[in-house]
C-alpha atoms as a PDB file:
ATOM      1  CA  MET A   1     177.707  82.507 154.335  1.00  0.00           C
ATOM      2  CA  LEU A   2     176.111  81.257 151.124  1.00  0.00           C
ATOM      3  CA  GLU A   3     174.504  77.825 151.392  1.00  0.00           C
ATOM      4  CA  THR A   4     175.308  77.008 147.758  1.00  0.00           C
ATOM      5  CA  ALA A   5     179.017  77.015 146.941  1.00  0.00           C
ATOM      6  CA  ILE A   6     178.738  76.367 143.190  1.00  0.00           C
ATOM      7  CA  LYS A   7     175.733  77.265 141.057  1.00  0.00           C
ATOM      8  CA  ILE A   8     175.518  76.740 137.300  1.00  0.00           C
ATOM      9  CA  GLN A   9     172.413  77.705 135.330  1.00  0.00           C
ATOM     10  CA  GLN A  10     171.686  76.914 131.675  1.00  0.00           C
ATOM     11  CA  LEU A  11     175.375  76.793 130.754  1.00  0.00           C
ATOM     12  CA  HIS A  12     175.950  76.496 127.013  1.00  0.00           C
ATOM     13  CA  LYS A  13     179.142  76.103 124.989  1.00  0.00           C
ATOM     14  CA  THR A  14     179.864  75.280 121.366  1.00  0.00           C
ATOM     15  CA  PHE A  15     183.060  74.898 119.376  1.00  0.00           C
ATOM     16  CA  GLY A  16     182.118  75.616 115.788  1.00  0.00           C
ATOM     17  CA  LYS A  17     179.152  73.366 115.042  1.00  0.00           C
ATOM     18  CA  ASN A  18     179.964  71.024 117.918  1.00  0.00           C
ATOM     19  CA  VAL A  19     177.718  71.536 120.958  1.00  0.00           C
ATOM     20  CA  VAL A  20     179.844  70.605 123.985  1.00  0.00           C
ATOM     21  CA  LEU A  21     177.501  71.733 126.771  1.00  0.00           C
ATOM     22  CA  GLU A  22     173.786  72.296 126.300  1.00  0.00           C
ATOM     23  CA  ASN A  23     171.847  74.147 129.000  1.00  0.00           C
ATOM     24  CA  VAL A  24     173.697  72.492 131.884  1.00  0.00           C
ATOM     25  CA  SER A  25     172.471  73.325 135.392  1.00  0.00           C
ATOM     26  CA  LEU A  26     174.173  72.142 138.569  1.00  0.00           C
ATOM     27  CA  GLU A  27     174.261  73.119 142.243  1.00  0.00           C
ATOM     28  CA  ILE A  28     176.697  71.992 144.925  1.00  0.00           C
ATOM     29  CA  PRO A  29     175.878  72.780 148.569  1.00  0.00           C
ATOM     30  CA  ARG A  30     178.663  74.181 150.713  1.00  0.00           C
ATOM     31  CA  GLY A  31     180.802  71.480 152.289  1.00  0.00           C
ATOM     32  CA  GLU A  32     179.809  68.707 149.869  1.00  0.00           C
ATOM     33  CA  THR A  33     181.974  66.708 147.482  1.00  0.00           C
ATOM     34  CA  LEU A  34     180.555  66.164 143.993  1.00  0.00           C
ATOM     35  CA  ALA A  35     182.040  63.814 141.403  1.00  0.00           C
ATOM     36  CA  LEU A  36     181.436  64.829 137.796  1.00  0.00           C
ATOM     37  CA  LEU A  37     181.315  61.660 135.712  1.00  0.00           C
ATOM     38  CA  GLY A  38     181.444  61.361 131.954  1.00  0.00           C
ATOM     39  CA  ARG A  39     183.224  59.715 129.082  1.00  0.00           C
ATOM     40  CA  ASN A  40     186.259  61.329 127.477  1.00  0.00           C
ATOM     41  CA  GLY A  41     185.004  64.270 125.456  1.00  0.00           C
ATOM     42  CA  ALA A  42     181.769  64.587 127.437  1.00  0.00           C
ATOM     43  CA  GLY A  43     182.582  68.202 128.363  1.00  0.00           C
ATOM     44  CA  LYS A  44     183.858  67.796 131.936  1.00  0.00           C
ATOM     45  CA  THR A  45     187.079  69.752 131.446  1.00  0.00           C
ATOM     46  CA  THR A  46     185.273  72.393 129.375  1.00  0.00           C
ATOM     47  CA  MET A  47     182.806  72.973 132.211  1.00  0.00           C
ATOM     48  CA  ILE A  48     185.587  73.178 134.784  1.00  0.00           C
ATOM     49  CA  ARG A  49     187.585  75.625 132.662  1.00  0.00           C
ATOM     50  CA  MET A  50     184.539  77.874 132.373  1.00  0.00           C
ATOM     51  CA  LEU A  51     183.979  77.714 136.142  1.00  0.00           C
ATOM     52  CA  LEU A  52     187.556  78.891 136.617  1.00  0.00           C
ATOM     53  CA  GLY A  53     187.171  81.746 134.145  1.00  0.00           C
ATOM     54  CA  LEU A  54     189.635  80.155 131.719  1.00  0.00           C
ATOM     55  CA  LEU A  55     187.016  79.750 129.000  1.00  0.00           C
ATOM     56  CA  LYS A  56     184.075  81.984 128.163  1.00  0.00           C
ATOM     57  CA  PRO A  57     180.600  80.397 127.950  1.00  0.00           C
ATOM     58  CA  ASP A  58     178.251  81.092 125.057  1.00  0.00           C
ATOM     59  CA  GLY A  59     175.272  81.298 127.391  1.00  0.00           C
ATOM     60  CA  GLY A  60     174.100  80.764 130.944  1.00  0.00           C
ATOM     61  CA  SER A  61     175.458  81.898 134.285  1.00  0.00           C
ATOM     62  CA  MET A  62     177.903  80.613 136.909  1.00  0.00           C
ATOM     63  CA  GLU A  63     178.652  81.483 140.503  1.00  0.00           C
ATOM     64  CA  ILE A  64     181.379  79.948 142.626  1.00  0.00           C
ATOM     65  CA  ASP A  65     181.734  80.980 146.265  1.00  0.00           C
ATOM     66  CA  GLY A  66     179.868  84.187 145.438  1.00  0.00           C
ATOM     67  CA  CYS A  67     182.102  85.070 142.474  1.00  0.00           C
ATOM     68  CA  ASP A  68     181.192  85.357 138.809  1.00  0.00           C
ATOM     69  CA  PRO A  69     184.083  83.698 136.915  1.00  0.00           C
ATOM     70  CA  THR A  70     183.739  86.115 134.006  1.00  0.00           C
ATOM     71  CA  ARG A  71     183.913  89.250 136.194  1.00  0.00           C
ATOM     72  CA  ASP A  72     185.736  88.331 139.404  1.00  0.00           C
ATOM     73  CA  ALA A  73     188.764  86.462 138.067  1.00  0.00           C
ATOM     74  CA  ILE A  74     191.303  87.675 140.648  1.00  0.00           C
ATOM     75  CA  GLU A  75     189.075  87.118 143.666  1.00  0.00           C
ATOM     76  CA  LEU A  76     188.039  83.741 142.271  1.00  0.00           C
ATOM     77  CA  ARG A  77     191.643  82.534 142.199  1.00  0.00           C
ATOM     78  CA  ARG A  78     191.999  83.469 145.855  1.00  0.00           C
ATOM     79  CA  ARG A  79     188.926  81.497 146.863  1.00  0.00           C
ATOM     80  CA  VAL A  80     189.364  78.415 144.691  1.00  0.00           C
ATOM     81  CA  GLY A  81     192.069  75.749 144.690  1.00  0.00           C
ATOM     82  CA  TYR A  82     192.566  74.000 141.350  1.00  0.00           C
ATOM     83  CA  LEU A  83     194.434  70.858 140.370  1.00  0.00           C
ATOM     84  CA  ALA A  84     194.504  70.242 136.621  1.00  0.00           C
ATOM     85  CA  GLU A  85     194.465  66.859 134.895  1.00  0.00           C
ATOM     86  CA  ASP A  86     198.145  67.057 133.956  1.00  0.00           C
ATOM     87  CA  GLN A  87     199.458  70.094 135.771  1.00  0.00           C
ATOM     88  CA  THR A  88     202.786  71.455 134.549  1.00  0.00           C
ATOM     89  CA  MET A  89     205.191  72.793 137.170  1.00  0.00           C
ATOM     90  CA  TYR A  90     208.680  74.263 136.981  1.00  0.00           C
ATOM     91  CA  GLY A  91     210.776  71.113 136.950  1.00  0.00           C
ATOM     92  CA  TRP A  92     214.046  72.822 137.850  1.00  0.00           C
ATOM     93  CA  MET A  93     212.568  74.075 141.128  1.00  0.00           C
ATOM     94  CA  THR A  94     212.224  72.136 144.340  1.00  0.00           C
ATOM     95  CA  PRO A  95     208.816  71.910 146.067  1.00  0.00           C
ATOM     96  CA  ILE A  96     209.856  74.392 148.755  1.00  0.00           C
ATOM     97  CA  GLU A  97     211.195  76.835 146.137  1.00  0.00           C
ATOM     98  CA  LEU A  98     207.927  76.618 144.222  1.00  0.00           C
ATOM     99  CA  CYS A  99     205.958  77.313 147.405  1.00  0.00           C
ATOM    100  CA  HIS A 100     208.041  80.432 148.071  1.00  0.00           C
ATOM    101  CA  PHE A 101     207.628  81.505 144.433  1.00  0.00           C
ATOM    102  CA  LEU A 102     203.816  81.292 144.679  1.00  0.00           C
ATOM    103  CA  THR A 103     203.464  82.994 148.068  1.00  0.00           C
ATOM    104  CA  PRO A 104     203.192  86.609 146.750  1.00  0.00           C
ATOM    105  CA  PHE A 105     200.326  85.657 144.427  1.00  0.00           C
ATOM    106  CA  TYR A 106     198.070  84.477 147.269  1.00  0.00           C
ATOM    107  CA  PRO A 107     197.461  86.816 150.237  1.00  0.00           C
ATOM    108  CA  ALA A 108     196.099  83.909 152.288  1.00  0.00           C
ATOM    109  CA  TRP A 109     199.039  81.583 151.537  1.00  0.00           C
ATOM    110  CA  HIS A 110     199.888  79.623 154.675  1.00  0.00           C
ATOM    111  CA  GLN A 111     203.428  78.250 154.481  1.00  0.00           C
ATOM    112  CA  GLU A 112     203.124  76.235 157.681  1.00  0.00           C
ATOM    113  CA  LEU A 113     200.102  74.542 156.130  1.00  0.00           C
ATOM    114  CA  ALA A 114     202.072  73.875 152.927  1.00  0.00           C
ATOM    115  CA  ASP A 115     204.893  72.393 155.022  1.00  0.00           C
ATOM    116  CA  ASP A 116     202.369  70.164 156.771  1.00  0.00           C
ATOM    117  CA  TYR A 117     201.036  68.895 153.424  1.00  0.00           C
ATOM    118  CA  LEU A 118     204.540  68.220 152.121  1.00  0.00           C
ATOM    119  CA  GLU A 119     205.199  66.117 155.190  1.00  0.00           C
ATOM    120  CA  ARG A 120     201.773  64.438 155.169  1.00  0.00           C
ATOM    121  CA  PHE A 121     202.123  63.487 151.500  1.00  0.00           C
ATOM    122  CA  HIS A 122     205.797  62.412 151.875  1.00  0.00           C
ATOM    123  CA  ILE A 123     207.062  64.906 149.296  1.00  0.00           C
ATOM    124  CA  PRO A 124     210.828  65.607 149.485  1.00  0.00           C
ATOM    125  CA  ARG A 125     211.126  69.374 149.890  1.00  0.00           C
ATOM    126  CA  HIS A 126     214.571  69.848 148.385  1.00  0.00           C
ATOM    127  CA  GLN A 127     214.459  67.456 145.434  1.00  0.00           C
ATOM    128  CA  ARG A 128     213.897  68.841 141.954  1.00  0.00           C
ATOM    129  CA  ILE A 129     210.294  68.535 140.840  1.00  0.00           C
ATOM    130  CA  GLU A 130     211.372  66.890 137.577  1.00  0.00           C
ATOM    131  CA  GLN A 131     212.833  64.048 139.664  1.00  0.00           C
ATOM    132  CA  LEU A 132     209.612  63.373 141.588  1.00  0.00           C
ATOM    133  CA  SER A 133     207.375  60.422 140.774  1.00  0.00           C
ATOM    134  CA  LYS A 134     204.011  60.900 139.082  1.00  0.00           C
ATOM    135  CA  GLY A 135     202.243  60.325 142.390  1.00  0.00           C
ATOM    136  CA  GLN A 136     204.458  62.836 144.194  1.00  0.00           C
ATOM    137  CA  ASN A 137     203.789  65.402 141.447  1.00  0.00           C
ATOM    138  CA  VAL A 138     200.036  64.969 141.849  1.00  0.00           C
ATOM    139  CA  LYS A 139     200.277  65.347 145.624  1.00  0.00           C
ATOM    140  CA  LEU A 140     202.475  68.414 145.208  1.00  0.00           C
ATOM    141  CA  GLY A 141     199.796  69.859 142.929  1.00  0.00           C
ATOM    142  CA  LEU A 142     197.213  69.189 145.632  1.00  0.00           C
ATOM    143  CA  THR A 143     199.466  70.883 148.204  1.00  0.00           C
ATOM    144  CA  LEU A 144     199.668  74.000 146.027  1.00  0.00           C
ATOM    145  CA  ALA A 145     195.894  73.933 145.508  1.00  0.00           C
ATOM    146  CA  LEU A 146     195.230  73.864 149.261  1.00  0.00           C
ATOM    147  CA  ALA A 147     197.983  75.994 150.790  1.00  0.00           C
ATOM    148  CA  HIS A 148     196.176  79.296 150.180  1.00  0.00           C
ATOM    149  CA  GLN A 149     193.222  77.947 152.204  1.00  0.00           C
ATOM    150  CA  PRO A 150     190.529  78.052 149.495  1.00  0.00           C
ATOM    151  CA  ASN A 151     186.848  77.608 150.260  1.00  0.00           C
ATOM    152  CA  VAL A 152     186.302  75.535 147.111  1.00  0.00           C
ATOM    153  CA  VAL A 153     188.606  72.911 145.586  1.00  0.00           C
ATOM    154  CA  ILE A 154     188.294  71.800 141.948  1.00  0.00           C
ATOM    155  CA  LEU A 155     190.159  68.705 140.768  1.00  0.00           C
ATOM    156  CA  ASP A 156     190.142  67.698 137.096  1.00  0.00           C
ATOM    157  CA  ASP A 157     190.747  63.929 136.990  1.00  0.00           C
ATOM    158  CA  PRO A 158     193.588  64.279 139.515  1.00  0.00           C
ATOM    159  CA  ALA A 159     194.543  60.590 139.701  1.00  0.00           C
ATOM    160  CA  LEU A 160     194.893  60.177 135.926  1.00  0.00           C
ATOM    161  CA  GLY A 161     198.081  58.305 135.075  1.00  0.00           C
ATOM    162  CA  LEU A 162     198.691  56.930 138.555  1.00  0.00           C
ATOM    163  CA  ASP A 163     198.981  53.207 139.136  1.00  0.00           C
ATOM    164  CA  THR A 164     196.394  51.414 141.281  1.00  0.00           C
ATOM    165  CA  ILE A 165     198.311  51.688 144.557  1.00  0.00           C
ATOM    166  CA  ALA A 166     199.187  55.349 143.998  1.00  0.00           C
ATOM    167  CA  ARG A 167     195.547  56.147 143.150  1.00  0.00           C
ATOM    168  CA  LYS A 168     194.283  54.515 146.320  1.00  0.00           C
ATOM    169  CA  GLU A 169     196.930  56.266 148.391  1.00  0.00           C
ATOM    170  CA  PHE A 170     196.101  59.615 146.789  1.00  0.00           C
ATOM    171  CA  ASN A 171     192.370  59.159 147.349  1.00  0.00           C
ATOM    172  CA  ARG A 172     192.969  58.101 150.950  1.00  0.00           C
ATOM    173  CA  ASP A 173     194.975  61.254 151.617  1.00  0.00           C
ATOM    174  CA  LEU A 174     192.437  63.338 149.719  1.00  0.00           C
ATOM    175  CA  ILE A 175     189.486  61.955 151.663  1.00  0.00           C
ATOM    176  CA  GLU A 176     191.271  62.228 154.983  1.00  0.00           C
ATOM    177  CA  HIS A 177     192.024  65.895 154.566  1.00  0.00           C
ATOM    178  CA  LEU A 178     189.135  67.334 152.556  1.00  0.00           C
ATOM    179  CA  GLN A 179     186.386  65.646 154.549  1.00  0.00           C
ATOM    180  CA  ALA A 180     187.937  66.921 157.769  1.00  0.00           C
ATOM    181  CA  SER A 181     188.306  70.464 156.404  1.00  0.00           C
ATOM    182  CA  GLY A 182     184.659  70.898 155.394  1.00  0.00           C
ATOM    183  CA  ARG A 183     185.596  72.347 152.003  1.00  0.00           C
ATOM    184  CA  THR A 184     183.396  72.162 148.942  1.00  0.00           C
ATOM    185  CA  VAL A 185     184.966  69.882 146.333  1.00  0.00           C
ATOM    186  CA  LEU A 186     184.153  69.373 142.659  1.00  0.00           C
ATOM    187  CA  PHE A 187     186.190  66.709 140.918  1.00  0.00           C
ATOM    188  CA  SER A 188     185.931  64.940 137.604  1.00  0.00           C
ATOM    189  CA  SER A 189     186.939  61.328 137.258  1.00  0.00           C
ATOM    190  CA  HIS A 190     186.726  58.269 135.055  1.00  0.00           C
ATOM    191  CA  LEU A 191     187.842  55.915 137.863  1.00  0.00           C
ATOM    192  CA  LEU A 192     184.344  55.048 138.976  1.00  0.00           C
ATOM    193  CA  ASP A 193     185.235  52.239 141.339  1.00  0.00           C
ATOM    194  CA  GLU A 194     187.075  54.774 143.497  1.00  0.00           C
ATOM    195  CA  VAL A 195     184.525  57.595 143.343  1.00  0.00           C
ATOM    196  CA  GLU A 196     182.100  56.105 145.856  1.00  0.00           C
ATOM    197  CA  ALA A 197     184.537  56.455 148.746  1.00  0.00           C
ATOM    198  CA  VAL A 198     185.146  60.139 147.969  1.00  0.00           C
ATOM    199  CA  ALA A 199     181.904  61.686 146.705  1.00  0.00           C
ATOM    200  CA  ASP A 200     178.733  62.686 148.522  1.00  0.00           C
ATOM    201  CA  THR A 201     177.005  63.279 145.195  1.00  0.00           C
ATOM    202  CA  VAL A 202     177.588  62.288 141.576  1.00  0.00           C
ATOM    203  CA  ALA A 203     176.498  64.044 138.398  1.00  0.00           C
ATOM    204  CA  ILE A 204     176.595  62.178 135.092  1.00  0.00           C
ATOM    205  CA  LEU A 205     177.413  64.339 132.070  1.00  0.00           C
ATOM    206  CA  ASP A 206     176.572  62.853 128.680  1.00  0.00           C
ATOM    207  CA  GLY A 207     175.671  64.335 125.326  1.00  0.00           C
ATOM    208  CA  GLY A 208     176.369  67.801 126.683  1.00  0.00           C
ATOM    209  CA  ARG A 209     173.753  67.460 129.445  1.00  0.00           C
ATOM    210  CA  ILE A 210     173.582  66.432 133.086  1.00  0.00           C
ATOM    211  CA  ILE A 211     171.427  63.314 132.785  1.00  0.00           C
ATOM    212  CA  ARG A 212     171.453  62.331 136.478  1.00  0.00           C
ATOM    213  CA  GLN A 213     172.492  63.960 139.736  1.00  0.00           C
ATOM    214  CA  SER A 214     172.001  62.412 143.152  1.00  0.00           C
ATOM    215  CA  SER A 215     173.839  61.110 146.177  1.00  0.00           C
ATOM    216  CA  THR A 216     175.807  57.926 145.603  1.00  0.00           C
ATOM    217  CA  GLU A 217     173.614  56.210 148.187  1.00  0.00           C
ATOM    218  CA  THR A 218     170.395  57.248 146.426  1.00  0.00           C
ATOM    219  CA  LEU A 219     171.742  56.276 143.027  1.00  0.00           C
ATOM    220  CA  ARG A 220     172.641  52.776 144.174  1.00  0.00           C
ATOM    221  CA  SER A 221     169.316  52.331 145.966  1.00  0.00           C
ATOM    222  CA  GLU A 222     167.207  53.479 142.997  1.00  0.00           C
ATOM    223  CA  VAL A 223     169.058  51.945 140.035  1.00  0.00           C
ATOM    224  CA  LYS A 224     168.875  48.161 139.972  1.00  0.00           C
ATOM    225  CA  ARG A 225     169.379  45.275 137.592  1.00  0.00           C
ATOM    226  CA  ILE A 226     166.377  42.975 137.277  1.00  0.00           C
ATOM    227  CA  VAL A 227     166.520  39.487 135.793  1.00  0.00           C
ATOM    228  CA  LEU A 228     163.393  38.256 133.990  1.00  0.00           C
ATOM    229  CA  THR A 229     162.561  35.190 131.949  1.00  0.00           C
ATOM    230  CA  SER A 230     161.408  35.585 128.363  1.00  0.00           C
ATOM    231  CA  ASP A 231     157.883  34.615 129.468  1.00  0.00           C
ATOM    232  CA  GLY A 232     157.947  37.192 132.240  1.00  0.00           C
ATOM    233  CA  ILE A 233     159.179  40.123 130.181  1.00  0.00           C
ATOM    234  CA  SER A 234     156.560  39.535 127.495  1.00  0.00           C
ATOM    235  CA  GLN A 235     153.835  40.204 130.087  1.00  0.00           C
ATOM    236  CA  VAL A 236     154.877  43.777 130.921  1.00  0.00           C
ATOM    237  CA  LEU A 237     155.540  47.070 129.182  1.00  0.00           C
ATOM    238  CA  PRO A 238     158.917  48.815 129.461  1.00  0.00           C
ATOM    239  CA  PRO A 239     159.041  50.806 132.722  1.00  0.00           C
ATOM    240  CA  GLN A 240     159.821  54.486 133.044  1.00  0.00           C
ATOM    241  CA  GLY A 241     163.499  54.873 133.806  1.00  0.00           C
ATOM    242  CA  LEU A 242     164.559  51.914 131.656  1.00  0.00           C
ATOM    243  CA  ARG A 243     168.284  52.305 130.965  1.00  0.00           C
ATOM    244  CA  ASP A 244     169.470  49.013 129.492  1.00  0.00           C
ATOM    245  CA  VAL A 245     168.161  45.678 128.191  1.00  0.00           C
ATOM    246  CA  GLN A 246     170.282  42.622 127.462  1.00  0.00           C
ATOM    247  CA  GLN A 247     169.103  39.189 126.358  1.00  0.00           C
ATOM    248  CA  PHE A 248     170.981  36.017 127.246  1.00  0.00           C
ATOM    249  CA  GLU A 249     169.240  32.954 125.808  1.00  0.00           C
ATOM    250  CA  ASP A 250     165.873  32.792 127.610  1.00  0.00           C
ATOM    251  CA  GLN A 251     166.688  35.503 130.163  1.00  0.00           C
ATOM    252  CA  PHE A 252     166.467  39.279 129.985  1.00  0.00           C
ATOM    253  CA  ILE A 253     168.618  41.471 132.206  1.00  0.00           C
ATOM    254  CA  VAL A 254     167.197  44.984 132.488  1.00  0.00           C
ATOM    255  CA  THR A 255     168.549  48.029 134.309  1.00  0.00           C
ATOM    256  CA  VAL A 256     165.964  50.454 135.664  1.00  0.00           C
ATOM    257  CA  ASP A 257     166.278  53.876 137.301  1.00  0.00           C
ATOM    258  CA  GLY A 258     163.512  53.960 139.894  1.00  0.00           C
ATOM    259  CA  ALA A 259     163.389  50.182 140.107  1.00  0.00           C
ATOM    260  CA  ALA A 260     161.200  49.975 143.242  1.00  0.00           C
ATOM    261  CA  ASP A 261     157.964  50.800 141.396  1.00  0.00           C
ATOM    262  CA  PHE A 262     158.745  48.331 138.638  1.00  0.00           C
ATOM    263  CA  VAL A 263     159.590  45.574 141.123  1.00  0.00           C
ATOM    264  CA  GLU A 264     156.315  46.242 142.936  1.00  0.00           C
ATOM    265  CA  HIS A 265     154.455  45.990 139.623  1.00  0.00           C
ATOM    266  CA  LEU A 266     156.153  42.685 138.793  1.00  0.00           C
ATOM    267  CA  THR A 267     155.231  41.323 142.212  1.00  0.00           C
ATOM    268  CA  GLU A 268     151.589  42.341 141.787  1.00  0.00           C
ATOM    269  CA  LEU A 269     151.470  40.538 138.427  1.00  0.00           C
ATOM    270  CA  GLY A 270     153.137  37.455 139.868  1.00  0.00           C
ATOM    271  CA  VAL A 271     156.038  37.706 137.414  1.00  0.00           C
ATOM    272  CA  ASP A 272     159.170  35.889 138.586  1.00  0.00           C
ATOM    273  CA  HIS A 273     162.150  38.198 138.883  1.00  0.00           C
ATOM    274  CA  GLU A 274     165.462  38.687 140.648  1.00  0.00           C
ATOM    275  CA  VAL A 275     166.832  42.061 141.789  1.00  0.00           C
ATOM    276  CA  VAL A 276     170.598  42.617 141.623  1.00  0.00           C
ATOM    277  CA  ASP A 277     172.549  45.504 143.183  1.00  0.00           C
ATOM    278  CA  LEU A 278     174.936  47.410 140.911  1.00  0.00           C
ATOM    279  CA  SER A 279     178.286  49.081 141.361  1.00  0.00           C
ATOM    280  CA  LEU A 280     178.638  52.743 140.428  1.00  0.00           C
ATOM    281  CA  ASP A 281     180.628  51.657 137.380  1.00  0.00           C
ATOM    282  CA  GLU A 282     177.760  49.440 136.175  1.00  0.00           C
ATOM    283  CA  ILE A 283     175.229  52.211 136.799  1.00  0.00           C
ATOM    284  CA  PHE A 284     177.323  54.689 134.825  1.00  0.00           C
ATOM    285  CA  GLU A 285     177.600  52.292 131.889  1.00  0.00           C
ATOM    286  CA  ALA A 286     173.837  51.768 131.865  1.00  0.00           C
ATOM    287  CA  PHE A 287     173.258  55.523 131.656  1.00  0.00           C
ATOM    288  CA  VAL A 288     175.784  56.335 128.938  1.00  0.00           C
ATOM    289  CA  ILE A 289     175.935  53.214 126.755  1.00  0.00           C
ATOM    290  CA  GLY A 290     172.780  51.337 127.738  1.00  0.00           C
ATOM    291  CA  ARG A 291     170.413  50.154 125.005  1.00  0.00           C
ATOM    292  CA  THR A 292     166.706  49.557 125.369  1.00  0.00           C
ATOM    293  CA  GLN A 293     165.729  48.364 121.883  1.00  0.00           C
ATOM    294  CA  ALA A 294     165.787  44.689 122.886  1.00  0.00           C
ATOM    295  CA  TRP A 295     162.634  45.005 125.006  1.00  0.00           C
ATOM    296  CA  PRO A 296     159.915  42.916 123.316  1.00  0.00           C
ATOM    297  CA  GLN A 297     156.391  44.210 122.871  1.00  0.00           C
ATOM    298  CA  ALA A 298     153.885  42.890 125.400  1.00  0.00           C
ATOM    299  CA  GLY A 299     152.287  39.734 124.118  1.00  0.00           C
ATOM    300  CA  THR A 300     154.938  39.180 121.466  1.00  0.00           C
ATOM    301  CA  PRO A 301     156.711  35.800 121.532  1.00  0.00           C
ATOM    302  CA  VAL A 302     160.416  36.079 122.298  1.00  0.00           C
ATOM    303  CA  VAL A 303     162.817  34.226 120.022  1.00  0.00           C
ATOM    304  CA  VAL A 304     165.620  32.530 121.956  1.00  0.00           C
END
């Protein structure tokens, strides 16, 4: 069995003059869960649609569970479960009717498994889909994505539109099942405070490029916020990996990727500093909207 479940190399896509994805490369090992993070319009859905063979790339290559999305469309749909951001289903059907309708399209469809999901997710089998709540619709979509026993599951912002309680409940059910099943999962999300509990790895997509990919644990251990006085910051040059600088009166708050080396340097120079841990949400903001222009030149007095 292939060790890499999803492999993307130098993927490129433009719409007119707008470059949406520029030479994006990404690998997801089999059995891992990767969260694709990015602002609205960053290209997350475009990348997912190309992985599923729904959109043709302008350049690069893709492989998902051994299939080329541009050549192996039918086999790909058998191996991959997909839950769209706002999936449309036949509202006049009931969940059990929809399951029976889909069965012929998937040779590996497992109705007992679908029944188990309907029960696990508390989805009424014989109620019209149009009468289900938003949360029940999302969980029904997940049931349909999993019932044909795919090796890879792709979720495009699945909890979008759910309230806080429904999101947490959905993620709990998602984690409980997918982690136990050993499937490979790629999901996009903008709900960063809830990603950490689900993802093994995160990839940040910005400006059409993957600007950072690592485990959530590594990301939080390497990206730190450091508080310096105006006197202290004027003694050092900006470090490599600087992501954000903010000045508050006589203090500077800087966010650094690879903070350990910079902290060691500050200690060697005897510069007073404080290291602050960051949430994934704060790290993401530093990468995509951080500004570094406020760093003063070494030896230059700081106006406060």
